[in-house]
PDB file of N, CA and C in Angstrom:
ATOM      1  N   MET A   1      -7.241   2.818  20.256  1.00  0.00           N
ATOM      2  CA  MET A   1      -6.891   3.687  19.167  1.00  0.00           C
ATOM      3  C   MET A   1      -7.701   4.968  19.268  1.00  0.00           C
ATOM      4  N   ASP A   2      -7.027   6.065  19.190  1.00  0.00           N
ATOM      5  CA  ASP A   2      -7.700   7.354  19.274  1.00  0.00           C
ATOM      6  C   ASP A   2      -7.820   7.948  17.874  1.00  0.00           C
ATOM      7  N   PHE A   3      -9.046   8.083  17.398  1.00  0.00           N
ATOM      8  CA  PHE A   3      -9.275   8.651  16.086  1.00  0.00           C
ATOM      9  C   PHE A   3      -9.556  10.137  16.224  1.00  0.00           C
ATOM     10  N   GLY A   4      -8.682  10.933  15.644  1.00  0.00           N
ATOM     11  CA  GLY A   4      -8.907  12.365  15.604  1.00  0.00           C
ATOM     12  C   GLY A   4      -9.554  12.736  14.289  1.00  0.00           C
ATOM     13  N   SER A   5      -9.774  14.011  14.097  1.00  0.00           N
ATOM     14  CA  SER A   5     -10.429  14.464  12.869  1.00  0.00           C
ATOM     15  C   SER A   5      -9.543  14.235  11.645  1.00  0.00           C
ATOM     16  N   GLN A   6      -8.224  14.263  11.801  1.00  0.00           N
ATOM     17  CA  GLN A   6      -7.321  14.011  10.681  1.00  0.00           C
ATOM     18  C   GLN A   6      -7.439  12.565  10.186  1.00  0.00           C
ATOM     19  N   GLN A   7      -7.454  11.625  11.114  1.00  0.00           N
ATOM     20  CA  GLN A   7      -7.536  10.225  10.729  1.00  0.00           C
ATOM     21  C   GLN A   7      -8.886   9.887  10.100  1.00  0.00           C
ATOM     22  N   ILE A   8      -9.940  10.448  10.641  1.00  0.00           N
ATOM     23  CA  ILE A   8     -11.270  10.199  10.083  1.00  0.00           C
ATOM     24  C   ILE A   8     -11.370  10.800   8.687  1.00  0.00           C
ATOM     25  N   GLY A   9     -10.805  11.980   8.498  1.00  0.00           N
ATOM     26  CA  GLY A   9     -10.804  12.607   7.177  1.00  0.00           C
ATOM     27  C   GLY A   9     -10.050  11.768   6.162  1.00  0.00           C
ATOM     28  N   LYS A  10      -8.882  11.261   6.545  1.00  0.00           N
ATOM     29  CA  LYS A  10      -8.105  10.410   5.644  1.00  0.00           C
ATOM     30  C   LYS A  10      -8.856   9.129   5.326  1.00  0.00           C
ATOM     31  N   LEU A  11      -9.507   8.558   6.322  1.00  0.00           N
ATOM     32  CA  LEU A  11     -10.282   7.335   6.110  1.00  0.00           C
ATOM     33  C   LEU A  11     -11.435   7.585   5.137  1.00  0.00           C
ATOM     34  N   LEU A  12     -12.118   8.699   5.266  1.00  0.00           N
ATOM     35  CA  LEU A  12     -13.225   9.021   4.362  1.00  0.00           C
ATOM     36  C   LEU A  12     -12.735   9.245   2.937  1.00  0.00           C
ATOM     37  N   ILE A  13     -11.595   9.907   2.787  1.00  0.00           N
ATOM     38  CA  ILE A  13     -11.042  10.127   1.445  1.00  0.00           C
ATOM     39  C   ILE A  13     -10.654   8.794   0.822  1.00  0.00           C
ATOM     40  N   LEU A  14      -9.984   7.945   1.586  1.00  0.00           N
ATOM     41  CA  LEU A  14      -9.589   6.635   1.076  1.00  0.00           C
ATOM     42  C   LEU A  14     -10.811   5.805   0.688  1.00  0.00           C
ATOM     43  N   THR A  15     -11.845   5.833   1.510  1.00  0.00           N
ATOM     44  CA  THR A  15     -13.071   5.096   1.205  1.00  0.00           C
ATOM     45  C   THR A  15     -13.708   5.614  -0.082  1.00  0.00           C
ATOM     46  N   GLY A  16     -13.743   6.916  -0.259  1.00  0.00           N
ATOM     47  CA  GLY A  16     -14.306   7.501  -1.476  1.00  0.00           C
ATOM     48  C   GLY A  16     -13.521   7.115  -2.717  1.00  0.00           C
ATOM     49  N   VAL A  17     -12.195   7.117  -2.616  1.00  0.00           N
ATOM     50  CA  VAL A  17     -11.358   6.725  -3.753  1.00  0.00           C
ATOM     51  C   VAL A  17     -11.581   5.257  -4.096  1.00  0.00           C
ATOM     52  N   LEU A  18     -11.670   4.398  -3.087  1.00  0.00           N
ATOM     53  CA  LEU A  18     -11.906   2.977  -3.341  1.00  0.00           C
ATOM     54  C   LEU A  18     -13.265   2.728  -3.986  1.00  0.00           C
ATOM     55  N   ILE A  19     -14.278   3.457  -3.560  1.00  0.00           N
ATOM     56  CA  ILE A  19     -15.608   3.308  -4.155  1.00  0.00           C
ATOM     57  C   ILE A  19     -15.590   3.788  -5.606  1.00  0.00           C
ATOM     58  N   ALA A  20     -14.895   4.893  -5.878  1.00  0.00           N
ATOM     59  CA  ALA A  20     -14.795   5.397  -7.247  1.00  0.00           C
ATOM     60  C   ALA A  20     -14.056   4.403  -8.143  1.00  0.00           C
ATOM     61  N   LEU A  21     -12.975   3.807  -7.645  1.00  0.00           N
ATOM     62  CA  LEU A  21     -12.238   2.816  -8.430  1.00  0.00           C
ATOM     63  C   LEU A  21     -13.083   1.576  -8.692  1.00  0.00           C
ATOM     64  N   LEU A  22     -13.834   1.143  -7.698  1.00  0.00           N
ATOM     65  CA  LEU A  22     -14.720  -0.006  -7.875  1.00  0.00           C
ATOM     66  C   LEU A  22     -15.797   0.295  -8.929  1.00  0.00           C
ATOM     67  N   GLY A  23     -16.357   1.481  -8.886  1.00  0.00           N
ATOM     68  CA  GLY A  23     -17.359   1.873  -9.878  1.00  0.00           C
ATOM     69  C   GLY A  23     -16.782   1.918 -11.277  1.00  0.00           C
ATOM     70  N   ALA A  24     -15.576   2.475 -11.423  1.00  0.00           N
ATOM     71  CA  ALA A  24     -14.927   2.525 -12.735  1.00  0.00           C
ATOM     72  C   ALA A  24     -14.630   1.121 -13.246  1.00  0.00           C
ATOM     73  N   MET A  25     -14.185   0.240 -12.342  1.00  0.00           N
ATOM     74  CA  MET A  25     -13.896  -1.131 -12.731  1.00  0.00           C
ATOM     75  C   MET A  25     -15.165  -1.851 -13.196  1.00  0.00           C
ATOM     76  N   LEU A  26     -16.261  -1.639 -12.514  1.00  0.00           N
ATOM     77  CA  LEU A  26     -17.522  -2.269 -12.920  1.00  0.00           C
ATOM     78  C   LEU A  26     -18.003  -1.742 -14.267  1.00  0.00           C
ATOM     79  N   MET A  27     -17.787  -0.456 -14.528  1.00  0.00           N
ATOM     80  CA  MET A  27     -18.169   0.107 -15.824  1.00  0.00           C
ATOM     81  C   MET A  27     -17.351  -0.507 -16.950  1.00  0.00           C
ATOM     82  N   VAL A  28     -16.052  -0.656 -16.735  1.00  0.00           N
ATOM     83  CA  VAL A  28     -15.181  -1.245 -17.751  1.00  0.00           C
ATOM     84  C   VAL A  28     -15.531  -2.709 -17.974  1.00  0.00           C
ATOM     85  N   LEU A  29     -15.727  -3.454 -16.895  1.00  0.00           N
ATOM     86  CA  LEU A  29     -16.077  -4.865 -17.034  1.00  0.00           C
ATOM     87  C   LEU A  29     -17.431  -5.050 -17.707  1.00  0.00           C
ATOM     88  N   GLY A  30     -18.363  -4.138 -17.454  1.00  0.00           N
ATOM     89  CA  GLY A  30     -19.664  -4.203 -18.107  1.00  0.00           C
ATOM     90  C   GLY A  30     -19.559  -3.970 -19.604  1.00  0.00           C
ATOM     91  N   ARG A  31     -18.677  -3.059 -20.005  1.00  0.00           N
ATOM     92  CA  ARG A  31     -18.480  -2.808 -21.437  1.00  0.00           C
ATOM     93  C   ARG A  31     -17.769  -3.964 -22.124  1.00  0.00           C
ATOM     94  N   MET A  32     -16.955  -4.695 -21.373  1.00  0.00           N
ATOM     95  CA  MET A  32     -16.257  -5.852 -21.931  1.00  0.00           C
ATOM     96  C   MET A  32     -17.184  -7.055 -22.039  1.00  0.00           C
ATOM     97  N   GLY A  33     -18.378  -6.975 -21.502  1.00  0.00           N
ATOM     98  CA  GLY A  33     -19.354  -8.056 -21.619  1.00  0.00           C
ATOM     99  C   GLY A  33     -19.338  -9.043 -20.473  1.00  0.00           C
ATOM    100  N   LEU A  34     -18.710  -8.694 -19.351  1.00  0.00           N
ATOM    101  CA  LEU A  34     -18.652  -9.643 -18.240  1.00  0.00           C
ATOM    102  C   LEU A  34     -20.033  -9.945 -17.680  1.00  0.00           C
ATOM    103  N   PHE A  35     -20.897  -8.964 -17.612  1.00  0.00           N
ATOM    104  CA  PHE A  35     -22.204  -9.160 -16.991  1.00  0.00           C
ATOM    105  C   PHE A  35     -23.275  -9.544 -18.008  1.00  0.00           C
ATOM    106  N   LYS A  36     -22.856 -10.116 -19.136  1.00  0.00           N
ATOM    107  CA  LYS A  36     -23.801 -10.616 -20.136  1.00  0.00           C
ATOM    108  C   LYS A  36     -23.416 -12.025 -20.558  1.00  0.00           C
ATOM    109  N   LEU A  37     -23.012 -12.826 -19.599  1.00  0.00           N
ATOM    110  CA  LEU A  37     -22.611 -14.194 -19.873  1.00  0.00           C
ATOM    111  C   LEU A  37     -23.840 -15.097 -19.978  1.00  0.00           C
ATOM    112  N   PRO A  38     -23.688 -16.282 -20.572  1.00  0.00           N
ATOM    113  CA  PRO A  38     -24.836 -17.180 -20.723  1.00  0.00           C
ATOM    114  C   PRO A  38     -25.491 -17.596 -19.411  1.00  0.00           C
ATOM    115  N   GLY A  39     -24.770 -17.603 -18.303  1.00  0.00           N
ATOM    116  CA  GLY A  39     -25.354 -17.996 -17.027  1.00  0.00           C
ATOM    117  C   GLY A  39     -25.955 -16.846 -16.243  1.00  0.00           C
ATOM    118  N   ASP A  40     -25.994 -15.647 -16.821  1.00  0.00           N
ATOM    119  CA  ASP A  40     -26.599 -14.481 -16.173  1.00  0.00           C
ATOM    120  C   ASP A  40     -28.038 -14.362 -16.663  1.00  0.00           C
ATOM    121  N   PHE A  41     -28.954 -14.456 -15.731  1.00  0.00           N
ATOM    122  CA  PHE A  41     -30.371 -14.477 -16.082  1.00  0.00           C
ATOM    123  C   PHE A  41     -31.030 -13.129 -15.825  1.00  0.00           C
ATOM    124  N   VAL A  42     -31.896 -12.733 -16.740  1.00  0.00           N
ATOM    125  CA  VAL A  42     -32.658 -11.491 -16.602  1.00  0.00           C
ATOM    126  C   VAL A  42     -34.133 -11.832 -16.771  1.00  0.00           C
ATOM    127  N   PHE A  43     -34.918 -11.502 -15.773  1.00  0.00           N
ATOM    128  CA  PHE A  43     -36.366 -11.667 -15.831  1.00  0.00           C
ATOM    129  C   PHE A  43     -36.969 -10.276 -15.772  1.00  0.00           C
ATOM    130  N   SER A  44     -37.847  -9.968 -16.704  1.00  0.00           N
ATOM    131  CA  SER A  44     -38.412  -8.620 -16.685  1.00  0.00           C
ATOM    132  C   SER A  44     -39.885  -8.656 -17.079  1.00  0.00           C
ATOM    133  N   GLY A  45     -40.532  -7.652 -16.613  1.00  0.00           N
ATOM    134  CA  GLY A  45     -41.934  -7.448 -16.930  1.00  0.00           C
ATOM    135  C   GLY A  45     -42.112  -6.035 -17.455  1.00  0.00           C
ATOM    136  N   LYS A  46     -43.330  -5.545 -17.346  1.00  0.00           N
ATOM    137  CA  LYS A  46     -43.616  -4.210 -17.872  1.00  0.00           C
ATOM    138  C   LYS A  46     -42.889  -3.124 -17.080  1.00  0.00           C
ATOM    139  N   ASN A  47     -42.910  -3.200 -15.757  1.00  0.00           N
ATOM    140  CA  ASN A  47     -42.308  -2.155 -14.924  1.00  0.00           C
ATOM    141  C   ASN A  47     -41.264  -2.679 -13.958  1.00  0.00           C
ATOM    142  N   TRP A  48     -40.699  -3.857 -14.218  1.00  0.00           N
ATOM    143  CA  TRP A  48     -39.724  -4.402 -13.293  1.00  0.00           C
ATOM    144  C   TRP A  48     -38.703  -5.253 -14.028  1.00  0.00           C
ATOM    145  N   ARG A  49     -37.557  -5.460 -13.388  1.00  0.00           N
ATOM    146  CA  ARG A  49     -36.488  -6.298 -13.936  1.00  0.00           C
ATOM    147  C   ARG A  49     -35.724  -6.934 -12.783  1.00  0.00           C
ATOM    148  N   ILE A  50     -35.497  -8.225 -12.870  1.00  0.00           N
ATOM    149  CA  ILE A  50     -34.690  -8.949 -11.888  1.00  0.00           C
ATOM    150  C   ILE A  50     -33.483  -9.506 -12.637  1.00  0.00           C
ATOM    151  N   TYR A  51     -32.302  -9.198 -12.129  1.00  0.00           N
ATOM    152  CA  TYR A  51     -31.051  -9.612 -12.759  1.00  0.00           C
ATOM    153  C   TYR A  51     -30.304 -10.541 -11.815  1.00  0.00           C
ATOM    154  N   LEU A  52     -30.016 -11.764 -12.251  1.00  0.00           N
ATOM    155  CA  LEU A  52     -29.294 -12.756 -11.451  1.00  0.00           C
ATOM    156  C   LEU A  52     -27.966 -13.091 -12.145  1.00  0.00           C
ATOM    157  N   PRO A  53     -26.875 -12.441 -11.760  1.00  0.00           N
ATOM    158  CA  PRO A  53     -25.581 -12.668 -12.435  1.00  0.00           C
ATOM    159  C   PRO A  53     -24.839 -13.880 -11.869  1.00  0.00           C
ATOM    160  N   ILE A  54     -25.346 -15.069 -12.098  1.00  0.00           N
ATOM    161  CA  ILE A  54     -24.767 -16.273 -11.508  1.00  0.00           C
ATOM    162  C   ILE A  54     -23.388 -16.564 -12.103  1.00  0.00           C
ATOM    163  N   ALA A  55     -23.257 -16.582 -13.422  1.00  0.00           N
ATOM    164  CA  ALA A  55     -21.973 -16.889 -14.055  1.00  0.00           C
ATOM    165  C   ALA A  55     -20.936 -15.810 -13.751  1.00  0.00           C
ATOM    166  N   SER A  56     -21.338 -14.557 -13.785  1.00  0.00           N
ATOM    167  CA  SER A  56     -20.403 -13.472 -13.472  1.00  0.00           C
ATOM    168  C   SER A  56     -19.929 -13.563 -12.028  1.00  0.00           C
ATOM    169  N   SER A  57     -20.809 -13.933 -11.119  1.00  0.00           N
ATOM    170  CA  SER A  57     -20.427 -14.079  -9.714  1.00  0.00           C
ATOM    171  C   SER A  57     -19.427 -15.207  -9.523  1.00  0.00           C
ATOM    172  N   ILE A  58     -19.607 -16.295 -10.251  1.00  0.00           N
ATOM    173  CA  ILE A  58     -18.668 -17.415 -10.149  1.00  0.00           C
ATOM    174  C   ILE A  58     -17.294 -17.010 -10.676  1.00  0.00           C
ATOM    175  N   ILE A  59     -17.256 -16.302 -11.790  1.00  0.00           N
ATOM    176  CA  ILE A  59     -15.972 -15.865 -12.357  1.00  0.00           C
ATOM    177  C   ILE A  59     -15.274 -14.889 -11.426  1.00  0.00           C
ATOM    178  N   ILE A  60     -16.005 -13.937 -10.887  1.00  0.00           N
ATOM    179  CA  ILE A  60     -15.413 -12.972  -9.955  1.00  0.00           C
ATOM    180  C   ILE A  60     -14.906 -13.692  -8.713  1.00  0.00           C
ATOM    181  N   SER A  61     -15.639 -14.661  -8.221  1.00  0.00           N
ATOM    182  CA  SER A  61     -15.218 -15.425  -7.049  1.00  0.00           C
ATOM    183  C   SER A  61     -13.929 -16.191  -7.319  1.00  0.00           C
ATOM    184  N   ILE A  62     -13.823 -16.815  -8.473  1.00  0.00           N
ATOM    185  CA  ILE A  62     -12.604 -17.553  -8.821  1.00  0.00           C
ATOM    186  C   ILE A  62     -11.409 -16.616  -8.927  1.00  0.00           C
ATOM    187  N   VAL A  63     -11.591 -15.486  -9.582  1.00  0.00           N
ATOM    188  CA  VAL A  63     -10.493 -14.522  -9.735  1.00  0.00           C
ATOM    189  C   VAL A  63     -10.042 -13.995  -8.378  1.00  0.00           C
ATOM    190  N   LEU A  64     -10.971 -13.613  -7.516  1.00  0.00           N
ATOM    191  CA  LEU A  64     -10.598 -13.117  -6.192  1.00  0.00           C
ATOM    192  C   LEU A  64      -9.936 -14.202  -5.345  1.00  0.00           C
ATOM    193  N   THR A  65     -10.403 -15.440  -5.462  1.00  0.00           N
ATOM    194  CA  THR A  65      -9.771 -16.540  -4.736  1.00  0.00           C
ATOM    195  C   THR A  65      -8.326 -16.714  -5.172  1.00  0.00           C
ATOM    196  N   LEU A  66      -8.083 -16.669  -6.471  1.00  0.00           N
ATOM    197  CA  LEU A  66      -6.712 -16.792  -6.968  1.00  0.00           C
ATOM    198  C   LEU A  66      -5.830 -15.633  -6.517  1.00  0.00           C
ATOM    199  N   ILE A  67      -6.353 -14.427  -6.555  1.00  0.00           N
ATOM    200  CA  ILE A  67      -5.581 -13.258  -6.121  1.00  0.00           C
ATOM    201  C   ILE A  67      -5.195 -13.394  -4.659  1.00  0.00           C
ATOM    202  N   PHE A  68      -6.157 -13.722  -3.811  1.00  0.00           N
ATOM    203  CA  PHE A  68      -5.864 -13.847  -2.388  1.00  0.00           C
ATOM    204  C   PHE A  68      -4.952 -15.047  -2.089  1.00  0.00           C
ATOM    205  N   TRP A  69      -5.079 -16.130  -2.883  1.00  0.00           N
ATOM    206  CA  TRP A  69      -4.202 -17.266  -2.707  1.00  0.00           C
ATOM    207  C   TRP A  69      -2.757 -16.885  -3.030  1.00  0.00           C
ATOM    208  N   PHE A  70      -2.563 -16.150  -4.151  1.00  0.00           N
ATOM    209  CA  PHE A  70      -1.216 -15.713  -4.512  1.00  0.00           C
ATOM    210  C   PHE A  70      -0.633 -14.761  -3.470  1.00  0.00           C
ATOM    211  N   ILE A  71      -1.435 -13.855  -2.961  1.00  0.00           N
ATOM    212  CA  ILE A  71      -0.958 -12.938  -1.921  1.00  0.00           C
ATOM    213  C   ILE A  71      -0.531 -13.726  -0.692  1.00  0.00           C
ATOM    214  N   ASN A  72      -1.349 -14.677  -0.271  1.00  0.00           N
ATOM    215  CA  ASN A  72      -1.021 -15.492   0.907  1.00  0.00           C
ATOM    216  C   ASN A  72       0.211 -16.369   0.657  1.00  0.00           C
ATOM    217  N   TYR A  73       0.343 -16.901  -0.551  1.00  0.00           N
ATOM    218  CA  TYR A  73       1.462 -17.773  -0.885  1.00  0.00           C
ATOM    219  C   TYR A  73       2.788 -17.008  -0.850  1.00  0.00           C
ATOM    220  N   PHE A  74       2.822 -15.792  -1.375  1.00  0.00           N
ATOM    221  CA  PHE A  74       4.062 -15.037  -1.434  1.00  0.00           C
ATOM    222  C   PHE A  74       4.387 -14.295  -0.145  1.00  0.00           C
ATOM    223  N   ARG A  75       3.451 -14.217   0.791  1.00  0.00           N
ATOM    224  CA  ARG A  75       3.727 -13.593   2.085  1.00  0.00           C
ATOM    225  C   ARG A  75       4.475 -14.527   3.006  1.00  0.00           C
ATOM    226  N   LYS A  76       4.416 -15.821   2.736  1.00  0.00           N
ATOM    227  CA  LYS A  76       5.072 -16.815   3.599  1.00  0.00           C
ATOM    228  C   LYS A  76       6.548 -16.888   3.303  1.00  0.00           C
TER     229      LYS A  76
END
């Protein structure tokens, strides 16, 4: 595959749009309370904070698994 400057430019624009959409989605999900579930642990001290989103990670994993399963099921 020969990548010219046009293809690289399009790839960079697409990557930027995907990152922006992911950031917007995380902001919306954060406002909906997804990252404040009972299984999400926060440890903090005077000048530090450790955040372990265990429950949120499990929910996101289940949702993505279902999405990819449906895509694979309907492609056959």
